[in-house]
PDB file of N, CA and C in Angstrom:
ATOM      1  N   MET A   1     207.265  36.009 -57.108  1.00  0.00           N
ATOM      2  CA  MET A   1     206.382  34.630 -56.977  1.00  0.00           C
ATOM      3  C   MET A   1     205.949  34.912 -55.446  1.00  0.00           C
ATOM      4  N   LYS A   2     205.989  35.500 -54.535  1.00  0.00           N
ATOM      5  CA  LYS A   2     205.423  35.629 -53.302  1.00  0.00           C
ATOM      6  C   LYS A   2     204.427  36.588 -53.261  1.00  0.00           C
ATOM      7  N   THR A   3     204.245  37.750 -54.255  1.00  0.00           N
ATOM      8  CA  THR A   3     203.385  38.623 -54.179  1.00  0.00           C
ATOM      9  C   THR A   3     202.172  38.043 -54.781  1.00  0.00           C
ATOM     10  N   ILE A   4     202.635  36.626 -55.833  1.00  0.00           N
ATOM     11  CA  ILE A   4     201.555  36.289 -56.569  1.00  0.00           C
ATOM     12  C   ILE A   4     200.566  35.398 -55.528  1.00  0.00           C
ATOM     13  N   THR A   5     201.528  34.287 -54.851  1.00  0.00           N
ATOM     14  CA  THR A   5     201.228  33.773 -53.945  1.00  0.00           C
ATOM     15  C   THR A   5     200.351  34.345 -53.069  1.00  0.00           C
ATOM     16  N   CYS A   6     200.907  35.603 -52.425  1.00  0.00           N
ATOM     17  CA  CYS A   6     200.322  36.278 -51.448  1.00  0.00           C
ATOM     18  C   CYS A   6     198.833  36.368 -51.907  1.00  0.00           C
ATOM     19  N   ILE A   7     198.372  36.873 -53.145  1.00  0.00           N
ATOM     20  CA  ILE A   7     197.308  37.374 -53.687  1.00  0.00           C
ATOM     21  C   ILE A   7     196.370  36.898 -53.478  1.00  0.00           C
ATOM     22  N   ILE A   8     196.755  35.048 -54.131  1.00  0.00           N
ATOM     23  CA  ILE A   8     196.225  33.899 -54.174  1.00  0.00           C
ATOM     24  C   ILE A   8     195.027  33.695 -52.704  1.00  0.00           C
ATOM     25  N   VAL A   9     196.338  34.049 -51.829  1.00  0.00           N
ATOM     26  CA  VAL A   9     196.156  33.439 -50.564  1.00  0.00           C
ATOM     27  C   VAL A   9     195.066  34.482 -49.817  1.00  0.00           C
ATOM     28  N   ILE A  10     194.820  35.613 -50.214  1.00  0.00           N
ATOM     29  CA  ILE A  10     194.039  37.250 -50.110  1.00  0.00           C
ATOM     30  C   ILE A  10     192.842  36.833 -50.448  1.00  0.00           C
ATOM     31  N   ALA A  11     193.085  36.354 -52.043  1.00  0.00           N
ATOM     32  CA  ALA A  11     191.781  36.433 -52.476  1.00  0.00           C
ATOM     33  C   ALA A  11     191.265  34.948 -52.200  1.00  0.00           C
ATOM     34  N   PHE A  12     191.726  33.854 -51.654  1.00  0.00           N
ATOM     35  CA  PHE A  12     191.035  32.324 -51.079  1.00  0.00           C
ATOM     36  C   PHE A  12     190.378  33.278 -49.777  1.00  0.00           C
ATOM     37  N   VAL A  13     191.403  33.565 -48.683  1.00  0.00           N
ATOM     38  CA  VAL A  13     190.651  33.679 -47.549  1.00  0.00           C
ATOM     39  C   VAL A  13     189.367  34.990 -47.572  1.00  0.00           C
ATOM     40  N   MET A  14     189.392  36.014 -48.851  1.00  0.00           N
ATOM     41  CA  MET A  14     188.126  36.626 -48.562  1.00  0.00           C
ATOM     42  C   MET A  14     186.948  35.933 -49.158  1.00  0.00           C
ATOM     43  N   THR A  15     187.377  35.544 -50.530  1.00  0.00           N
ATOM     44  CA  THR A  15     185.810  33.992 -50.624  1.00  0.00           C
ATOM     45  C   THR A  15     185.664  33.265 -50.034  1.00  0.00           C
ATOM     46  N   GLY A  16     186.290  32.566 -48.834  1.00  0.00           N
ATOM     47  CA  GLY A  16     185.990  31.612 -47.946  1.00  0.00           C
ATOM     48  C   GLY A  16     185.070  32.461 -46.878  1.00  0.00           C
ATOM     49  N   ILE A  17     185.644  34.174 -46.864  1.00  0.00           N
ATOM     50  CA  ILE A  17     184.949  34.685 -45.895  1.00  0.00           C
ATOM     51  C   ILE A  17     183.334  34.424 -45.980  1.00  0.00           C
ATOM     52  N   SER A  18     182.867  35.169 -47.384  1.00  0.00           N
ATOM     53  CA  SER A  18     181.985  35.675 -48.011  1.00  0.00           C
ATOM     54  C   SER A  18     181.604  34.241 -48.159  1.00  0.00           C
ATOM     55  N   VAL A  19     181.722  32.969 -48.611  1.00  0.00           N
ATOM     56  CA  VAL A  19     181.081  31.915 -48.586  1.00  0.00           C
ATOM     57  C   VAL A  19     180.527  31.686 -47.179  1.00  0.00           C
ATOM     58  N   PHE A  20     181.772  31.729 -46.266  1.00  0.00           N
ATOM     59  CA  PHE A  20     181.146  31.676 -44.766  1.00  0.00           C
ATOM     60  C   PHE A  20     180.379  32.326 -44.432  1.00  0.00           C
ATOM     61  N   THR A  21     180.431  33.718 -44.969  1.00  0.00           N
ATOM     62  CA  THR A  21     179.166  34.704 -44.242  1.00  0.00           C
ATOM     63  C   THR A  21     177.394  34.127 -44.900  1.00  0.00           C
ATOM     64  N   ILE A  22     177.480  33.629 -46.031  1.00  0.00           N
ATOM     65  CA  ILE A  22     176.039  33.546 -47.083  1.00  0.00           C
ATOM     66  C   ILE A  22     176.002  32.119 -46.534  1.00  0.00           C
ATOM     67  N   GLU A  23     176.461  31.426 -46.008  1.00  0.00           N
ATOM     68  CA  GLU A  23     175.941  29.727 -45.258  1.00  0.00           C
ATOM     69  C   GLU A  23     175.795  30.149 -43.924  1.00  0.00           C
ATOM     70  N   GLU A  24     176.159  30.921 -43.297  1.00  0.00           N
ATOM     71  CA  GLU A  24     176.204  31.185 -41.841  1.00  0.00           C
ATOM     72  C   GLU A  24     174.668  31.986 -42.183  1.00  0.00           C
ATOM     73  N   LYS A  25     174.732  32.881 -42.753  1.00  0.00           N
ATOM     74  CA  LYS A  25     173.275  33.657 -42.795  1.00  0.00           C
ATOM     75  C   LYS A  25     171.988  33.529 -43.556  1.00  0.00           C
ATOM     76  N   LYS A  26     171.213  32.840 -43.026  1.00  0.00           N
ATOM     77  CA  LYS A  26     169.507  32.458 -43.393  1.00  0.00           C
ATOM     78  C   LYS A  26     168.974  33.535 -42.996  1.00  0.00           C
ATOM     79  N   GLY A  27     167.935  32.745 -43.676  1.00  0.00           N
ATOM     80  CA  GLY A  27     166.478  34.134 -43.643  1.00  0.00           C
ATOM     81  C   GLY A  27     165.938  34.369 -42.211  1.00  0.00           C
ATOM     82  N   ASP A  28     165.708  35.276 -42.154  1.00  0.00           N
ATOM     83  CA  ASP A  28     164.939  35.373 -40.204  1.00  0.00           C
ATOM     84  C   ASP A  28     163.839  34.471 -39.711  1.00  0.00           C
ATOM     85  N   ASP A  29     162.815  34.019 -40.862  1.00  0.00           N
ATOM     86  CA  ASP A  29     161.805  33.117 -40.467  1.00  0.00           C
ATOM     87  C   ASP A  29     162.872  31.917 -40.663  1.00  0.00           C
ATOM     88  N   GLU A  30     163.739  31.363 -41.365  1.00  0.00           N
ATOM     89  CA  GLU A  30     163.825  30.010 -41.698  1.00  0.00           C
ATOM     90  C   GLU A  30     164.673  29.788 -40.000  1.00  0.00           C
ATOM     91  N   ALA A  31     166.025  30.691 -39.436  1.00  0.00           N
ATOM     92  CA  ALA A  31     166.306  30.290 -38.507  1.00  0.00           C
ATOM     93  C   ALA A  31     165.459  30.684 -37.589  1.00  0.00           C
ATOM     94  N   LEU A  32     164.388  31.679 -37.400  1.00  0.00           N
ATOM     95  CA  LEU A  32     163.437  31.318 -36.122  1.00  0.00           C
ATOM     96  C   LEU A  32     162.879  29.680 -36.261  1.00  0.00           C
ATOM     97  N   PHE A  33     162.530  29.184 -36.925  1.00  0.00           N
ATOM     98  CA  PHE A  33     162.197  28.062 -37.112  1.00  0.00           C
ATOM     99  C   PHE A  33     162.923  26.603 -36.269  1.00  0.00           C
ATOM    100  N   GLU A  34     164.050  26.834 -37.074  1.00  0.00           N
ATOM    101  CA  GLU A  34     164.823  26.066 -36.810  1.00  0.00           C
ATOM    102  C   GLU A  34     165.460  26.063 -35.714  1.00  0.00           C
ATOM    103  N   THR A  35     165.876  27.384 -34.713  1.00  0.00           N
ATOM    104  CA  THR A  35     166.396  27.387 -32.932  1.00  0.00           C
ATOM    105  C   THR A  35     164.991  27.564 -32.674  1.00  0.00           C
ATOM    106  N   THR A  36     163.886  27.971 -32.746  1.00  0.00           N
ATOM    107  CA  THR A  36     162.991  27.616 -32.257  1.00  0.00           C
ATOM    108  C   THR A  36     162.209  26.340 -32.364  1.00  0.00           C
ATOM    109  N   CYS A  37     161.956  25.562 -33.009  1.00  0.00           N
ATOM    110  CA  CYS A  37     160.969  24.382 -33.076  1.00  0.00           C
ATOM    111  C   CYS A  37     162.485  22.981 -32.568  1.00  0.00           C
ATOM    112  N   SER A  38     163.287  23.055 -32.714  1.00  0.00           N
ATOM    113  CA  SER A  38     164.402  22.202 -32.698  1.00  0.00           C
ATOM    114  C   SER A  38     164.535  22.153 -31.057  1.00  0.00           C
ATOM    115  N   GLN A  39     164.072  22.430 -30.672  1.00  0.00           N
ATOM    116  CA  GLN A  39     164.078  22.713 -29.142  1.00  0.00           C
ATOM    117  C   GLN A  39     163.354  22.035 -28.158  1.00  0.00           C
ATOM    118  N   CYS A  40     162.645  21.645 -29.320  1.00  0.00           N
ATOM    119  CA  CYS A  40     161.244  20.186 -28.414  1.00  0.00           C
ATOM    120  C   CYS A  40     161.302  18.935 -29.843  1.00  0.00           C
ATOM    121  N   HIS A  41     161.744  19.276 -30.665  1.00  0.00           N
ATOM    122  CA  HIS A  41     162.195  18.049 -31.416  1.00  0.00           C
ATOM    123  C   HIS A  41     162.896  17.793 -32.731  1.00  0.00           C
ATOM    124  N   SER A  42     163.093  16.942 -33.098  1.00  0.00           N
ATOM    125  CA  SER A  42     163.740  17.135 -34.417  1.00  0.00           C
ATOM    126  C   SER A  42     163.344  17.813 -35.557  1.00  0.00           C
ATOM    127  N   LEU A  43     164.361  18.714 -36.465  1.00  0.00           N
ATOM    128  CA  LEU A  43     163.198  18.993 -37.523  1.00  0.00           C
ATOM    129  C   LEU A  43     162.842  17.987 -38.765  1.00  0.00           C
ATOM    130  N   ASN A  44     163.633  17.488 -38.467  1.00  0.00           N
ATOM    131  CA  ASN A  44     163.103  15.668 -39.587  1.00  0.00           C
ATOM    132  C   ASN A  44     161.896  15.553 -39.439  1.00  0.00           C
ATOM    133  N   TRP A  45     160.874  15.749 -38.919  1.00  0.00           N
ATOM    134  CA  TRP A  45     159.464  16.023 -38.494  1.00  0.00           C
ATOM    135  C   TRP A  45     158.880  16.679 -39.469  1.00  0.00           C
ATOM    136  N   PRO A  46     159.258  18.174 -38.925  1.00  0.00           N
ATOM    137  CA  PRO A  46     158.503  19.398 -39.942  1.00  0.00           C
ATOM    138  C   PRO A  46     158.535  19.027 -41.906  1.00  0.00           C
ATOM    139  N   LYS A  47     159.870  18.752 -41.657  1.00  0.00           N
ATOM    140  CA  LYS A  47     160.433  18.481 -43.109  1.00  0.00           C
ATOM    141  C   LYS A  47     159.880  17.377 -43.701  1.00  0.00           C
ATOM    142  N   SER A  48     159.354  16.407 -43.161  1.00  0.00           N
ATOM    143  CA  SER A  48     159.117  15.234 -44.066  1.00  0.00           C
ATOM    144  C   SER A  48     158.361  15.210 -44.818  1.00  0.00           C
ATOM    145  N   LYS A  49     157.160  15.993 -44.452  1.00  0.00           N
ATOM    146  CA  LYS A  49     155.864  15.925 -45.257  1.00  0.00           C
ATOM    147  C   LYS A  49     155.143  17.044 -45.830  1.00  0.00           C
ATOM    148  N   LYS A  50     154.692  17.278 -46.896  1.00  0.00           N
ATOM    149  CA  LYS A  50     153.928  18.406 -46.860  1.00  0.00           C
ATOM    150  C   LYS A  50     152.730  18.606 -46.443  1.00  0.00           C
ATOM    151  N   ARG A  51     152.305  20.122 -46.235  1.00  0.00           N
ATOM    152  CA  ARG A  51     150.697  19.535 -45.553  1.00  0.00           C
ATOM    153  C   ARG A  51     150.157  21.062 -45.925  1.00  0.00           C
ATOM    154  N   THR A  52     149.056  21.277 -45.624  1.00  0.00           N
ATOM    155  CA  THR A  52     148.325  22.398 -46.447  1.00  0.00           C
ATOM    156  C   THR A  52     148.767  23.727 -45.109  1.00  0.00           C
ATOM    157  N   ALA A  53     148.099  25.250 -45.634  1.00  0.00           N
ATOM    158  CA  ALA A  53     148.048  26.451 -45.009  1.00  0.00           C
ATOM    159  C   ALA A  53     147.560  25.550 -43.592  1.00  0.00           C
ATOM    160  N   ALA A  54     146.525  24.980 -43.981  1.00  0.00           N
ATOM    161  CA  ALA A  54     145.609  25.078 -42.800  1.00  0.00           C
ATOM    162  C   ALA A  54     145.789  24.029 -41.561  1.00  0.00           C
ATOM    163  N   GLU A  55     146.514  22.841 -42.134  1.00  0.00           N
ATOM    164  CA  GLU A  55     147.405  22.232 -41.021  1.00  0.00           C
ATOM    165  C   GLU A  55     148.530  22.504 -40.169  1.00  0.00           C
ATOM    166  N   TRP A  56     148.871  23.036 -41.159  1.00  0.00           N
ATOM    167  CA  TRP A  56     149.999  24.110 -40.870  1.00  0.00           C
ATOM    168  C   TRP A  56     149.625  24.836 -39.458  1.00  0.00           C
ATOM    169  N   LEU A  57     148.683  25.757 -39.724  1.00  0.00           N
ATOM    170  CA  LEU A  57     148.782  26.648 -38.766  1.00  0.00           C
ATOM    171  C   LEU A  57     147.728  25.714 -37.316  1.00  0.00           C
ATOM    172  N   THR A  58     146.855  24.521 -37.766  1.00  0.00           N
ATOM    173  CA  THR A  58     146.413  24.009 -36.540  1.00  0.00           C
ATOM    174  C   THR A  58     147.723  23.133 -35.895  1.00  0.00           C
ATOM    175  N   ILE A  59     149.284  22.621 -36.543  1.00  0.00           N
ATOM    176  CA  ILE A  59     150.339  21.941 -35.794  1.00  0.00           C
ATOM    177  C   ILE A  59     150.990  22.947 -34.983  1.00  0.00           C
ATOM    178  N   VAL A  60     151.145  24.244 -35.367  1.00  0.00           N
ATOM    179  CA  VAL A  60     152.365  25.239 -34.770  1.00  0.00           C
ATOM    180  C   VAL A  60     151.329  25.502 -33.684  1.00  0.00           C
ATOM    181  N   MET A  61     149.754  26.416 -34.123  1.00  0.00           N
ATOM    182  CA  MET A  61     149.188  26.947 -32.943  1.00  0.00           C
ATOM    183  C   MET A  61     149.272  25.663 -31.505  1.00  0.00           C
ATOM    184  N   ARG A  62     148.811  24.458 -31.833  1.00  0.00           N
ATOM    185  CA  ARG A  62     148.692  23.044 -30.743  1.00  0.00           C
ATOM    186  C   ARG A  62     149.975  23.737 -30.041  1.00  0.00           C
ATOM    187  N   MET A  63     151.334  23.329 -30.953  1.00  0.00           N
ATOM    188  CA  MET A  63     152.482  23.798 -30.279  1.00  0.00           C
ATOM    189  C   MET A  63     152.468  24.689 -29.258  1.00  0.00           C
ATOM    190  N   LYS A  64     152.292  25.984 -29.782  1.00  0.00           N
ATOM    191  CA  LYS A  64     152.049  27.192 -28.806  1.00  0.00           C
ATOM    192  C   LYS A  64     151.305  26.966 -27.310  1.00  0.00           C
ATOM    193  N   ASN A  65     149.927  27.005 -27.893  1.00  0.00           N
ATOM    194  CA  ASN A  65     148.881  26.973 -26.985  1.00  0.00           C
ATOM    195  C   ASN A  65     148.762  25.442 -26.439  1.00  0.00           C
ATOM    196  N   VAL A  66     148.917  24.456 -26.539  1.00  0.00           N
ATOM    197  CA  VAL A  66     148.931  23.237 -25.889  1.00  0.00           C
ATOM    198  C   VAL A  66     149.896  22.658 -25.071  1.00  0.00           C
ATOM    199  N   ASN A  67     151.447  22.822 -26.179  1.00  0.00           N
ATOM    200  CA  ASN A  67     152.260  22.198 -25.344  1.00  0.00           C
ATOM    201  C   ASN A  67     153.327  23.111 -25.196  1.00  0.00           C
ATOM    202  N   ASP A  68     152.319  24.760 -24.897  1.00  0.00           N
ATOM    203  CA  ASP A  68     153.584  25.525 -24.453  1.00  0.00           C
ATOM    204  C   ASP A  68     154.861  25.528 -25.086  1.00  0.00           C
ATOM    205  N   GLY A  69     154.558  25.770 -26.174  1.00  0.00           N
ATOM    206  CA  GLY A  69     155.764  25.756 -27.199  1.00  0.00           C
ATOM    207  C   GLY A  69     156.296  26.760 -26.892  1.00  0.00           C
ATOM    208  N   PRO A  70     158.045  27.228 -27.137  1.00  0.00           N
ATOM    209  CA  PRO A  70     158.593  28.247 -26.701  1.00  0.00           C
ATOM    210  C   PRO A  70     158.566  29.625 -27.772  1.00  0.00           C
ATOM    211  N   PHE A  71     157.348  30.183 -28.006  1.00  0.00           N
ATOM    212  CA  PHE A  71     157.166  31.225 -28.938  1.00  0.00           C
ATOM    213  C   PHE A  71     156.396  31.967 -28.585  1.00  0.00           C
ATOM    214  N   THR A  72     156.084  33.357 -29.422  1.00  0.00           N
ATOM    215  CA  THR A  72     155.172  34.247 -29.198  1.00  0.00           C
ATOM    216  C   THR A  72     153.783  34.043 -30.030  1.00  0.00           C
ATOM    217  N   GLU A  73     153.178  34.846 -29.686  1.00  0.00           N
ATOM    218  CA  GLU A  73     151.779  34.806 -31.264  1.00  0.00           C
ATOM    219  C   GLU A  73     152.410  34.854 -32.743  1.00  0.00           C
ATOM    220  N   THR A  74     152.933  36.626 -32.408  1.00  0.00           N
ATOM    221  CA  THR A  74     154.382  36.587 -33.257  1.00  0.00           C
ATOM    222  C   THR A  74     155.008  35.620 -34.168  1.00  0.00           C
ATOM    223  N   GLU A  75     155.594  35.133 -33.587  1.00  0.00           N
ATOM    224  CA  GLU A  75     156.887  33.964 -34.251  1.00  0.00           C
ATOM    225  C   GLU A  75     156.009  32.582 -34.460  1.00  0.00           C
ATOM    226  N   ALA A  76     155.126  32.715 -33.581  1.00  0.00           N
ATOM    227  CA  ALA A  76     153.912  31.516 -34.919  1.00  0.00           C
ATOM    228  C   ALA A  76     153.615  32.178 -35.910  1.00  0.00           C
ATOM    229  N   LYS A  77     153.327  33.654 -36.272  1.00  0.00           N
ATOM    230  CA  LYS A  77     152.921  33.430 -37.120  1.00  0.00           C
ATOM    231  C   LYS A  77     153.703  33.585 -38.370  1.00  0.00           C
ATOM    232  N   ILE A  78     155.492  33.594 -38.087  1.00  0.00           N
ATOM    233  CA  ILE A  78     156.034  34.034 -38.804  1.00  0.00           C
ATOM    234  C   ILE A  78     156.790  32.235 -39.222  1.00  0.00           C
ATOM    235  N   ILE A  79     156.479  31.775 -38.435  1.00  0.00           N
ATOM    236  CA  ILE A  79     157.031  30.088 -38.599  1.00  0.00           C
ATOM    237  C   ILE A  79     156.145  29.751 -39.234  1.00  0.00           C
ATOM    238  N   ILE A  80     154.685  29.988 -39.135  1.00  0.00           N
ATOM    239  CA  ILE A  80     153.294  29.236 -39.860  1.00  0.00           C
ATOM    240  C   ILE A  80     153.489  29.635 -41.614  1.00  0.00           C
ATOM    241  N   ASN A  81     154.247  30.778 -41.661  1.00  0.00           N
ATOM    242  CA  ASN A  81     154.275  31.925 -42.697  1.00  0.00           C
ATOM    243  C   ASN A  81     155.936  30.470 -44.026  1.00  0.00           C
ATOM    244  N   TYR A  82     156.481  30.250 -42.929  1.00  0.00           N
ATOM    245  CA  TYR A  82     157.634  30.278 -43.661  1.00  0.00           C
ATOM    246  C   TYR A  82     157.115  28.631 -43.870  1.00  0.00           C
ATOM    247  N   LEU A  83     156.669  27.602 -42.968  1.00  0.00           N
ATOM    248  CA  LEU A  83     156.538  26.598 -43.320  1.00  0.00           C
ATOM    249  C   LEU A  83     155.716  26.357 -44.232  1.00  0.00           C
ATOM    250  N   ILE A  84     154.497  27.568 -44.901  1.00  0.00           N
ATOM    251  CA  ILE A  84     153.579  27.032 -45.787  1.00  0.00           C
ATOM    252  C   ILE A  84     154.729  27.309 -47.000  1.00  0.00           C
ATOM    253  N   LYS A  85     155.516  28.157 -46.834  1.00  0.00           N
ATOM    254  CA  LYS A  85     156.489  28.716 -48.043  1.00  0.00           C
ATOM    255  C   LYS A  85     157.365  27.314 -48.473  1.00  0.00           C
ATOM    256  N   LYS A  86     157.479  26.816 -47.502  1.00  0.00           N
ATOM    257  CA  LYS A  86     158.545  25.615 -47.582  1.00  0.00           C
ATOM    258  C   LYS A  86     158.277  24.561 -47.751  1.00  0.00           C
ATOM    259  N   TYR A  87     157.215  24.071 -46.678  1.00  0.00           N
ATOM    260  CA  TYR A  87     156.480  22.595 -47.358  1.00  0.00           C
ATOM    261  C   TYR A  87     154.828  22.848 -46.932  1.00  0.00           C
ATOM    262  N   GLY A  88     154.481  23.720 -47.757  1.00  0.00           N
ATOM    263  CA  GLY A  88     152.954  23.385 -47.863  1.00  0.00           C
ATOM    264  C   GLY A  88     153.000  22.717 -49.212  1.00  0.00           C
ATOM    265  N   LYS A  89     151.772  22.333 -48.970  1.00  0.00           N
ATOM    266  CA  LYS A  89     150.544  21.694 -50.605  1.00  0.00           C
ATOM    267  C   LYS A  89     150.395  22.760 -51.199  1.00  0.00           C
ATOM    268  N   GLU A  90     150.972  22.268 -52.656  1.00  0.00           N
ATOM    269  CA  GLU A  90     149.730  23.448 -53.478  1.00  0.00           C
ATOM    270  C   GLU A  90     149.179  23.198 -53.913  1.00  0.00           C
TER     271      GLU A  90
END
Protein backbone atom coordinates (compact mmCIF):
# COMPACT_ATOMS: atom_id res chain seq x y z
CA MET A 1 0.00 0.00 0.00
CA LYS A 2 2.84 2.38 0.83
CA THR A 3 4.41 1.72 -2.57
CA ILE A 4 1.21 2.60 -4.42
CA THR A 5 0.76 5.75 -2.34
CA CYS A 6 4.35 6.74 -3.01
CA ILE A 7 3.91 6.20 -6.77
CA ILE A 8 0.71 8.26 -6.77
CA VAL A 9 2.38 11.08 -4.85
CA ILE A 10 5.38 11.06 -7.19
CA ALA A 11 3.10 11.05 -10.25
CA PHE A 12 1.08 13.93 -8.81
CA VAL A 13 4.20 15.96 -8.06
CA MET A 14 5.64 15.31 -11.50
CA THR A 15 2.35 16.24 -13.17
CA GLY A 16 2.05 19.33 -11.00
CA ILE A 17 5.56 20.42 -11.93
CA SER A 18 4.98 19.93 -15.63
CA VAL A 19 1.65 21.79 -15.54
CA PHE A 20 3.29 24.61 -13.55
CA THR A 21 6.11 24.80 -16.08
CA ILE A 22 3.67 24.97 -19.00
CA GLU A 23 1.63 27.71 -17.34
CA GLU A 24 4.73 29.68 -16.37
CA LYS A 25 6.39 29.45 -19.77
CA LYS A 26 4.65 31.83 -22.10
CA GLY A 27 5.70 32.69 -25.59
CA ASP A 28 8.57 35.14 -25.67
CA ASP A 29 6.43 37.70 -27.50
CA GLU A 30 3.61 37.47 -24.96
CA ALA A 31 6.03 37.71 -22.04
CA LEU A 32 7.72 40.74 -23.60
CA PHE A 33 4.34 42.42 -24.14
CA GLU A 34 3.21 41.75 -20.57
CA THR A 35 6.40 42.79 -18.81
CA THR A 36 7.06 45.84 -20.96
CA CYS A 37 3.60 47.30 -21.34
CA SER A 38 2.54 46.70 -17.74
CA GLN A 39 5.33 48.98 -16.55
CA CYS A 40 3.30 52.02 -17.64
CA HIS A 41 -0.35 50.92 -17.73
CA SER A 42 -2.79 48.12 -17.08
CA LEU A 43 -2.89 45.33 -19.64
CA ASN A 44 -6.68 45.60 -19.69
CA TRP A 45 -6.46 48.58 -22.02
CA PRO A 46 -4.63 46.92 -24.93
CA LYS A 47 -6.66 43.74 -24.47
CA SER A 48 -9.99 45.58 -24.46
CA LYS A 49 -10.42 46.33 -28.15
CA LYS A 50 -9.42 44.82 -31.48
CA ARG A 51 -7.35 47.19 -33.61
CA THR A 52 -5.96 47.14 -37.14
CA ALA A 53 -2.28 46.56 -37.83
CA ALA A 54 -1.87 50.27 -38.63
CA GLU A 55 -3.51 51.25 -35.34
CA TRP A 56 -1.24 48.94 -33.31
CA LEU A 57 1.80 50.27 -35.16
CA THR A 58 0.80 53.87 -34.43
CA ILE A 59 -0.01 53.21 -30.77
CA VAL A 60 3.14 51.25 -29.93
CA MET A 61 5.48 53.62 -31.80
CA ARG A 62 3.86 56.62 -30.08
CA MET A 63 4.45 54.94 -26.73
CA LYS A 64 8.07 54.29 -27.66
CA ASN A 65 8.97 57.59 -29.30
CA VAL A 66 6.68 60.16 -27.65
CA ASN A 67 6.06 58.63 -24.24
CA ASP A 68 9.61 57.27 -23.92
CA GLY A 69 8.47 53.66 -23.57
CA PRO A 70 10.96 51.28 -21.94
CA PHE A 71 11.61 49.15 -25.04
CA THR A 72 13.84 49.09 -28.09
CA GLU A 73 12.88 49.32 -31.75
CA THR A 74 13.28 45.55 -32.10
CA GLU A 75 11.12 44.92 -29.04
CA ALA A 76 8.52 47.33 -30.45
CA LYS A 77 8.30 45.24 -33.62
CA ILE A 78 7.86 42.05 -31.58
CA ILE A 79 5.15 43.68 -29.45
CA ILE A 80 3.36 45.08 -32.50
CA ASN A 81 3.37 41.68 -34.24
CA TYR A 82 2.08 40.01 -31.07
CA LEU A 83 -0.72 42.58 -30.68
CA ILE A 84 -1.74 42.23 -34.33
CA LYS A 85 -1.79 38.43 -34.02
CA LYS A 86 -3.62 38.36 -30.69
CA TYR A 87 -5.76 41.54 -30.71
CA GLY A 88 -5.87 42.53 -34.37
CA LYS A 89 -8.92 43.15 -36.48
CA GLU A 90 -9.25 40.60 -39.22
